[in-house]
Amino acid sequence: MDAHVIGILRRRNYISESSSSSDEDWEVDLRKKRIQKRVRIINYIDVVDRYTDYDFKSHFRMSKVTFQYLLQIIHQDLIRKVKGCPTIPARQQLMIALWKMATMDSYRSICDRFDVGRATALRAVRRVTHAVFKRSARFIQWPSGNRAITVMKGFEEASGFPRVIGAIYMYIYLQLICDHRTLITHCYSGYPGSVHDQRVFRQSEVADFLNDDEKFPTDSHILGDAAYELHQHLLTPFRDNGHLNERQNNYNYRHSAARVSVERCIGLLKGRMRSLLHCLPMSRVDLMAEYIVACCVIHNICTLRGDEIDIVILPSLSEENVTDDNVLHQPRQNIAVYKRNLIMDSLIRR
């Protein structure tokens, strides 16, 4: 073998300095190197199996049982189906992706922890993200039928506010709606950046839902803060100008009590997927949207399985950039105002 090639292989640690230059010795050293790499992967997986439930959850933000359930769902999408270099095990790919989602570590730190190259870690995160994103329609569903009735009962029992089918919230790059159990029923992340809530709302599917009475059985509604426009199916609080009467204050109190679920939902989501606490270090908007939706799907899976996590305390709901009228124009305005006043008069006072 050429001495120049031998020098390159030695500098890259493929062969030792003491190895001879013969082809046979080089091939033996290379096989040993590959075996050692496989042993490191196996040993790492064995270490994960020896984690206690508490330690595993503190690292990956979910229990071992939920991890195995998620792996079973997406396992086939993480296996290479064409000829080429073998990929790292599906289990390790999921661990890398969860570590990226659940921490604010850089890829450099993740590569060092999992003993993989940057390209391998990046592909693992993208592959897992896409696999989870493909299951979003299965785990993120708008409530209908008996489930819608259950959601309305849950909100009314918790807050006294009637016929609530969900609460809507906008936080930086994510707009979501959740039910009384903090289960996400709709999410929209296609408009990243600092944009007013109402503008993002107009771009989302929920703006079309408001004109579809089938989405809101028994004249139900979602609840939003004062940044949204009042609508027959989207009720907002009365703007506090210092002159609200007792009934209006009571309405705002019940309204806020019902919307606590969406604040808790955001806190749970960001407590589990801590990479969402700040702006994502991603340049491709399409991949960013997939990543955020995948985090929401994982949140729903954990919620459905009762896999709890600590809540991140968020600032109180903002009511900045509130319009003076905060209502839609005719003809919806009169209907929405009448409905809000009717609910205000029917609420039990504190």
Protein backbone atom coordinates (compact mmCIF):
# COMPACT_ATOMS: atom_id res chain seq x y z
CA MET A 1 0.00 0.00 0.00
CA ASP A 2 1.18 3.54 -0.76
CA ALA A 3 2.98 5.21 2.16
CA HIS A 4 0.96 8.41 1.66
CA VAL A 5 -2.33 6.50 2.08
CA ILE A 6 -0.97 4.77 5.19
CA GLY A 7 -0.13 8.19 6.67
CA ILE A 8 -3.65 9.48 6.07
CA LEU A 9 -5.22 6.39 7.67
CA ARG A 10 -2.96 6.73 10.70
CA ARG A 11 -3.81 10.41 11.16
CA ARG A 12 -7.51 9.47 11.08
CA ASN A 13 -6.88 6.70 13.65
CA TYR A 14 -7.98 3.92 11.29
CA ILE A 15 -4.70 2.11 11.91
CA SER A 16 -2.19 2.41 14.73
CA GLU A 17 1.31 3.81 14.44
CA SER A 18 2.75 0.37 15.15
CA SER A 19 0.87 -1.32 12.31
CA SER A 20 2.83 -2.54 9.33
CA SER A 21 2.13 -1.26 5.85
CA SER A 22 0.93 -4.58 4.49
CA ASP A 23 -2.61 -4.79 3.10
CA GLU A 24 -3.42 -7.74 5.36
CA ASP A 25 -2.47 -5.92 8.58
CA TRP A 26 -4.37 -2.81 7.50
CA GLU A 27 -7.54 -4.80 6.84
CA VAL A 28 -7.26 -6.51 10.25
CA ASP A 29 -6.91 -3.15 12.01
CA LEU A 30 -9.86 -1.71 10.08
CA ARG A 31 -12.07 -4.67 11.03
CA LYS A 32 -11.06 -4.23 14.67
CA LYS A 33 -11.96 -0.55 14.44
CA ARG A 34 -15.43 -1.34 13.11
CA ILE A 35 -16.01 -3.99 15.78
CA GLN A 36 -14.98 -1.54 18.52
CA LYS A 37 -17.45 1.03 17.18
CA ARG A 38 -20.27 -1.51 17.23
CA VAL A 39 -19.34 -2.53 20.77
CA ARG A 40 -19.52 1.12 21.90
CA ILE A 41 -23.05 1.39 20.48
CA ILE A 42 -24.15 -1.84 22.17
CA ASN A 43 -22.58 -0.82 25.47
CA TYR A 44 -24.29 2.56 25.31
CA ILE A 45 -27.67 0.94 24.77
CA ASP A 46 -26.99 -1.40 27.69
CA VAL A 47 -26.25 1.64 29.88
CA VAL A 48 -29.61 3.14 28.88
CA ASP A 49 -31.35 -0.09 29.89
CA ARG A 50 -29.74 0.20 33.31
CA TYR A 51 -31.19 3.69 33.88
CA THR A 52 -33.75 3.94 36.61
CA ASP A 53 -37.13 5.24 35.53
CA TYR A 54 -36.42 8.56 37.24
CA ASP A 55 -33.02 9.02 35.57
CA PHE A 56 -34.37 8.05 32.15
CA LYS A 57 -37.25 10.50 32.45
CA SER A 58 -34.96 13.31 33.60
CA HIS A 59 -32.79 12.76 30.52
CA PHE A 60 -35.35 12.09 27.81
CA ARG A 61 -38.45 13.76 29.38
CA MET A 62 -40.59 10.66 29.15
CA SER A 63 -40.83 7.27 30.83
CA LYS A 64 -39.24 4.11 29.43
CA VAL A 65 -42.69 2.68 28.66
CA THR A 66 -43.67 5.74 26.61
CA PHE A 67 -40.28 5.65 24.86
CA GLN A 68 -40.84 2.04 23.80
CA TYR A 69 -44.37 2.88 22.64
CA LEU A 70 -43.12 5.78 20.50
CA LEU A 71 -40.28 3.67 19.11
CA GLN A 72 -42.73 0.95 18.12
CA ILE A 73 -44.86 3.46 16.21
CA ILE A 74 -42.07 5.00 14.13
CA HIS A 75 -39.57 2.10 14.01
CA GLN A 76 -40.19 1.19 10.37
CA ASP A 77 -39.52 4.76 9.21
CA LEU A 78 -36.08 4.75 10.84
CA ILE A 79 -34.77 1.69 8.99
CA ARG A 80 -32.88 2.11 5.72
CA LYS A 81 -34.89 0.48 2.93
CA VAL A 82 -32.33 0.86 0.14
CA LYS A 83 -28.78 -0.38 -0.22
CA GLY A 84 -26.06 1.79 1.23
CA CYS A 85 -24.14 2.42 4.41
CA PRO A 86 -25.98 0.99 7.42
CA THR A 87 -27.69 3.50 9.70
CA ILE A 88 -27.34 3.60 13.46
CA PRO A 89 -30.02 1.62 15.34
CA ALA A 90 -33.54 3.08 15.35
CA ARG A 91 -33.45 3.18 19.13
CA GLN A 92 -30.35 5.36 19.14
CA GLN A 93 -31.84 7.65 16.48
CA LEU A 94 -34.86 8.25 18.69
CA MET A 95 -32.67 8.92 21.72
CA ILE A 96 -30.65 11.50 19.78
CA ALA A 97 -33.81 13.23 18.53
CA LEU A 98 -35.41 13.27 21.97
CA TRP A 99 -32.24 14.66 23.51
CA LYS A 100 -32.23 17.44 20.91
CA MET A 101 -35.90 18.23 21.56
CA ALA A 102 -35.73 17.93 25.34
CA THR A 103 -32.58 20.02 25.88
CA MET A 104 -30.98 23.14 24.50
CA ASP A 105 -27.71 21.32 23.71
CA SER A 106 -25.89 22.03 20.47
CA TYR A 107 -25.23 19.35 17.87
CA ARG A 108 -21.60 19.42 18.90
CA SER A 109 -22.52 18.42 22.44
CA ILE A 110 -25.00 15.79 21.24
CA CYS A 111 -22.43 14.24 18.88
CA ASP A 112 -19.94 13.97 21.72
CA ARG A 113 -22.52 12.39 24.04
CA PHE A 114 -23.76 9.78 21.54
CA ASP A 115 -20.41 9.23 19.79
CA VAL A 116 -21.71 10.03 16.29
CA GLY A 117 -20.83 12.52 13.59
CA ARG A 118 -22.74 15.75 13.07
CA ALA A 119 -24.27 14.53 9.81
CA THR A 120 -25.45 11.33 11.51
CA ALA A 121 -27.04 13.26 14.37
CA LEU A 122 -28.67 15.75 12.02
CA ARG A 123 -30.13 12.98 9.85
CA ALA A 124 -31.38 11.13 12.92
CA VAL A 125 -33.24 14.22 14.20
CA ARG A 126 -34.76 14.93 10.80
CA ARG A 127 -35.74 11.30 10.24
CA VAL A 128 -37.42 11.00 13.65
CA THR A 129 -39.07 14.41 13.29
CA HIS A 130 -40.57 13.50 9.91
CA ALA A 131 -41.73 10.09 11.15
CA VAL A 132 -43.53 11.64 14.14
CA PHE A 133 -44.92 14.48 12.00
CA LYS A 134 -46.54 11.92 9.67
CA ARG A 135 -48.59 10.64 12.63
CA SER A 136 -49.91 14.11 13.55
CA ALA A 137 -53.38 13.44 12.11
CA ARG A 138 -53.65 10.40 14.38
CA PHE A 139 -52.76 12.17 17.63
CA ILE A 140 -53.92 15.77 17.00
CA GLN A 141 -57.64 15.76 16.22
CA TRP A 142 -60.39 18.35 16.45
CA PRO A 143 -63.02 17.15 18.98
CA SER A 144 -66.28 15.95 17.48
CA GLY A 145 -69.26 13.81 18.46
CA ASN A 146 -69.13 12.37 21.96
CA ARG A 147 -65.61 13.64 22.49
CA ALA A 148 -66.76 17.23 21.92
CA ILE A 149 -69.47 16.77 24.55
CA THR A 150 -66.89 15.38 26.98
CA VAL A 151 -64.61 18.37 26.40
CA MET A 152 -67.46 20.84 27.00
CA LYS A 153 -68.41 19.09 30.24
CA GLY A 154 -64.78 19.12 31.37
CA PHE A 155 -64.40 22.86 30.84
CA GLU A 156 -67.72 23.64 32.55
CA GLU A 157 -66.90 21.50 35.58
CA ALA A 158 -63.52 23.20 35.95
CA SER A 159 -64.53 26.82 35.37
CA GLY A 160 -68.31 27.13 35.14
CA PHE A 161 -68.03 28.48 31.56
CA PRO A 162 -70.52 26.68 29.26
CA ARG A 163 -70.04 25.02 25.85
CA VAL A 164 -66.26 25.52 25.58
CA ILE A 165 -64.69 23.21 23.01
CA GLY A 166 -61.14 24.51 23.38
CA ALA A 167 -58.84 27.37 24.36
CA ILE A 168 -56.52 29.07 21.86
CA TYR A 169 -53.08 30.50 22.57
CA MET A 170 -50.28 32.04 20.52
CA TYR A 171 -46.68 31.83 21.75
CA ILE A 172 -43.90 33.17 19.49
CA TYR A 173 -44.01 30.67 16.58
CA LEU A 174 -46.80 28.34 17.67
CA GLN A 175 -50.56 28.74 17.76
CA LEU A 176 -52.43 25.89 19.38
CA ILE A 177 -55.82 24.91 20.74
CA CYS A 178 -56.18 22.46 23.59
CA ASP A 179 -58.98 20.83 25.57
CA HIS A 180 -59.55 20.69 29.32
CA ARG A 181 -56.97 17.88 29.71
CA THR A 182 -54.20 19.95 28.04
CA LEU A 183 -54.50 17.69 24.98
CA ILE A 184 -53.64 19.63 21.82
CA THR A 185 -56.53 19.51 19.33
CA HIS A 186 -55.06 21.85 16.72
CA CYS A 187 -51.65 23.44 16.13
CA TYR A 188 -50.31 25.82 13.50
CA SER A 189 -46.64 26.70 13.11
CA GLY A 190 -46.37 27.86 9.51
CA TYR A 191 -45.83 31.51 10.37
CA PRO A 192 -42.63 31.81 12.46
CA GLY A 193 -41.42 35.14 13.71
CA SER A 194 -42.81 38.10 15.60
CA VAL A 195 -46.29 38.45 14.12
CA HIS A 196 -49.52 39.69 15.68
CA ASP A 197 -51.83 36.95 16.97
CA GLN A 198 -54.72 37.99 14.77
CA ARG A 199 -52.61 37.88 11.60
CA VAL A 200 -51.41 34.35 12.39
CA PHE A 201 -54.99 33.39 13.19
CA ARG A 202 -56.22 34.53 9.76
CA GLN A 203 -53.60 32.32 8.09
CA SER A 204 -54.52 29.21 10.08
CA GLU A 205 -57.27 26.69 9.45
CA VAL A 206 -59.13 27.81 12.56
CA ALA A 207 -60.21 31.00 10.79
CA ASP A 208 -62.10 28.79 8.32
CA PHE A 209 -63.41 26.59 11.13
CA LEU A 210 -65.28 29.56 12.64
CA ASN A 211 -67.59 29.71 9.63
CA ASP A 212 -68.29 25.98 9.77
CA ASP A 213 -71.03 25.30 12.32
CA GLU A 214 -70.32 21.55 12.14
CA LYS A 215 -66.99 22.18 13.87
CA PHE A 216 -68.87 23.74 16.79
CA PRO A 217 -71.78 21.47 17.80
CA THR A 218 -74.56 22.90 20.00
CA ASP A 219 -73.30 26.43 19.27
CA SER A 220 -70.03 25.79 21.14
CA HIS A 221 -66.98 28.04 21.01
CA ILE A 222 -63.27 28.38 21.71
CA LEU A 223 -61.86 30.96 24.11
CA GLY A 224 -59.15 33.46 23.20
CA ASP A 225 -57.52 36.44 24.84
CA ALA A 226 -58.31 40.06 24.04
CA ALA A 227 -55.89 40.13 21.08
CA TYR A 228 -58.39 38.12 19.03
CA GLU A 229 -61.56 39.45 17.44
CA LEU A 230 -64.85 38.53 19.03
CA HIS A 231 -66.76 35.94 17.02
CA GLN A 232 -69.79 33.74 17.52
CA HIS A 233 -67.45 30.75 17.92
CA LEU A 234 -64.48 32.59 19.48
CA LEU A 235 -65.30 34.41 22.69
CA THR A 236 -62.93 36.98 24.16
CA PRO A 237 -63.00 38.78 27.54
CA PHE A 238 -64.39 42.25 28.08
CA ARG A 239 -61.64 44.81 27.80
CA ASP A 240 -60.90 46.12 31.27
CA ASN A 241 -61.15 49.90 31.02
CA GLY A 242 -61.71 50.35 34.74
CA HIS A 243 -65.47 50.64 34.38
CA LEU A 244 -66.58 47.02 34.12
CA ASN A 245 -69.66 46.07 36.11
CA GLU A 246 -69.97 43.07 38.40
CA ARG A 247 -71.32 40.73 35.74
CA GLN A 248 -68.61 41.65 33.26
CA ASN A 249 -65.90 41.06 35.87
CA ASN A 250 -67.46 37.70 36.71
CA TYR A 251 -67.51 36.79 33.02
CA ASN A 252 -63.80 37.67 32.70
CA TYR A 253 -63.01 35.60 35.79
CA ARG A 254 -64.80 32.51 34.45
CA HIS A 255 -63.26 33.07 31.02
CA SER A 256 -59.77 33.22 32.53
CA ALA A 257 -60.42 30.13 34.68
CA ALA A 258 -61.32 28.15 31.56
CA ARG A 259 -58.24 29.35 29.68
CA VAL A 260 -55.90 28.13 32.42
CA SER A 261 -55.79 24.79 30.60
CA VAL A 262 -54.05 26.28 27.57
CA GLU A 263 -51.47 28.05 29.77
CA ARG A 264 -50.81 24.74 31.49
CA CYS A 265 -50.59 23.02 28.09
CA ILE A 266 -47.91 25.44 26.89
CA GLY A 267 -46.05 25.04 30.18
CA LEU A 268 -46.09 21.25 29.88
CA LEU A 269 -45.04 21.36 26.22
CA LYS A 270 -42.07 23.61 26.92
CA GLY A 271 -41.21 21.75 30.10
CA ARG A 272 -40.89 18.56 28.08
CA MET A 273 -39.50 19.97 24.83
CA ARG A 274 -37.11 22.55 26.25
CA SER A 275 -35.64 23.37 22.86
CA LEU A 276 -38.87 25.33 22.25
CA LEU A 277 -38.09 27.76 25.07
CA HIS A 278 -36.12 29.98 22.69
CA CYS A 279 -35.90 30.61 18.98
CA LEU A 280 -34.99 27.46 17.11
CA PRO A 281 -31.53 27.40 15.44
CA MET A 282 -33.02 26.38 12.11
CA SER A 283 -33.04 28.19 8.79
CA ARG A 284 -35.54 26.10 6.79
CA VAL A 285 -39.10 27.13 7.64
CA ASP A 286 -40.60 23.85 6.41
CA LEU A 287 -38.37 21.79 8.69
CA MET A 288 -39.05 24.17 11.57
CA ALA A 289 -42.80 23.64 11.22
CA GLU A 290 -42.35 19.84 11.12
CA TYR A 291 -40.14 19.99 14.22
CA ILE A 292 -42.68 22.01 16.24
CA VAL A 293 -45.63 19.84 15.21
CA ALA A 294 -43.61 16.71 16.06
CA CYS A 295 -43.02 18.13 19.55
CA CYS A 296 -46.78 18.67 19.89
CA VAL A 297 -47.46 15.07 18.83
CA ILE A 298 -45.02 13.76 21.45
CA HIS A 299 -46.72 15.98 24.05
CA ASN A 300 -50.10 14.44 23.15
CA ILE A 301 -48.73 10.89 23.29
CA CYS A 302 -47.34 11.53 26.76
CA THR A 303 -50.59 13.20 27.88
CA LEU A 304 -52.72 10.30 26.63
CA ARG A 305 -50.49 7.85 28.47
CA GLY A 306 -50.51 9.88 31.70
CA ASP A 307 -46.78 10.58 31.47
CA GLU A 308 -46.52 13.79 33.52
CA ILE A 309 -43.64 16.26 33.60
CA ASP A 310 -42.80 19.46 35.46
CA ILE A 311 -44.48 22.62 34.19
CA VAL A 312 -42.51 25.64 32.97
CA ILE A 313 -43.92 28.82 34.53
CA LEU A 314 -44.81 31.26 31.78
CA PRO A 315 -45.63 34.98 31.95
CA SER A 316 -49.30 35.86 32.20
CA LEU A 317 -51.27 35.91 28.99
CA SER A 318 -50.52 39.05 27.04
CA GLU A 319 -53.17 41.43 25.84
CA GLU A 320 -50.91 43.75 23.88
CA ASN A 321 -51.96 45.28 20.58
CA VAL A 322 -55.62 44.99 21.49
CA THR A 323 -57.96 46.82 19.18
CA ASP A 324 -60.46 49.26 20.60
CA ASP A 325 -63.57 47.47 19.42
CA ASN A 326 -62.24 43.89 19.52
CA VAL A 327 -65.20 42.67 17.49
CA LEU A 328 -65.87 41.65 13.92
CA HIS A 329 -67.76 43.85 11.52
CA GLN A 330 -71.35 43.24 10.48
CA PRO A 331 -73.17 40.91 10.29
CA ARG A 332 -71.27 38.69 12.75
CA GLN A 333 -70.72 41.47 15.28
CA ASN A 334 -74.27 41.62 16.62
CA ILE A 335 -74.51 37.82 16.95
CA ALA A 336 -71.19 37.58 18.81
CA VAL A 337 -71.98 40.47 21.15
CA TYR A 338 -75.43 39.07 21.89
CA LYS A 339 -74.03 35.61 22.62
CA ARG A 340 -71.33 36.95 24.94
CA ASN A 341 -73.85 39.05 26.86
CA LEU A 342 -76.22 36.09 27.11
CA ILE A 343 -73.49 33.89 28.59
CA MET A 344 -72.45 36.71 30.92
CA ASP A 345 -75.96 36.93 32.36
CA SER A 346 -76.25 33.14 32.81
CA LEU A 347 -72.95 32.58 34.64
CA ILE A 348 -73.01 31.77 38.34
CA ARG A 349 -71.50 34.65 40.27
CA ARG A 350 -68.51 34.15 42.55
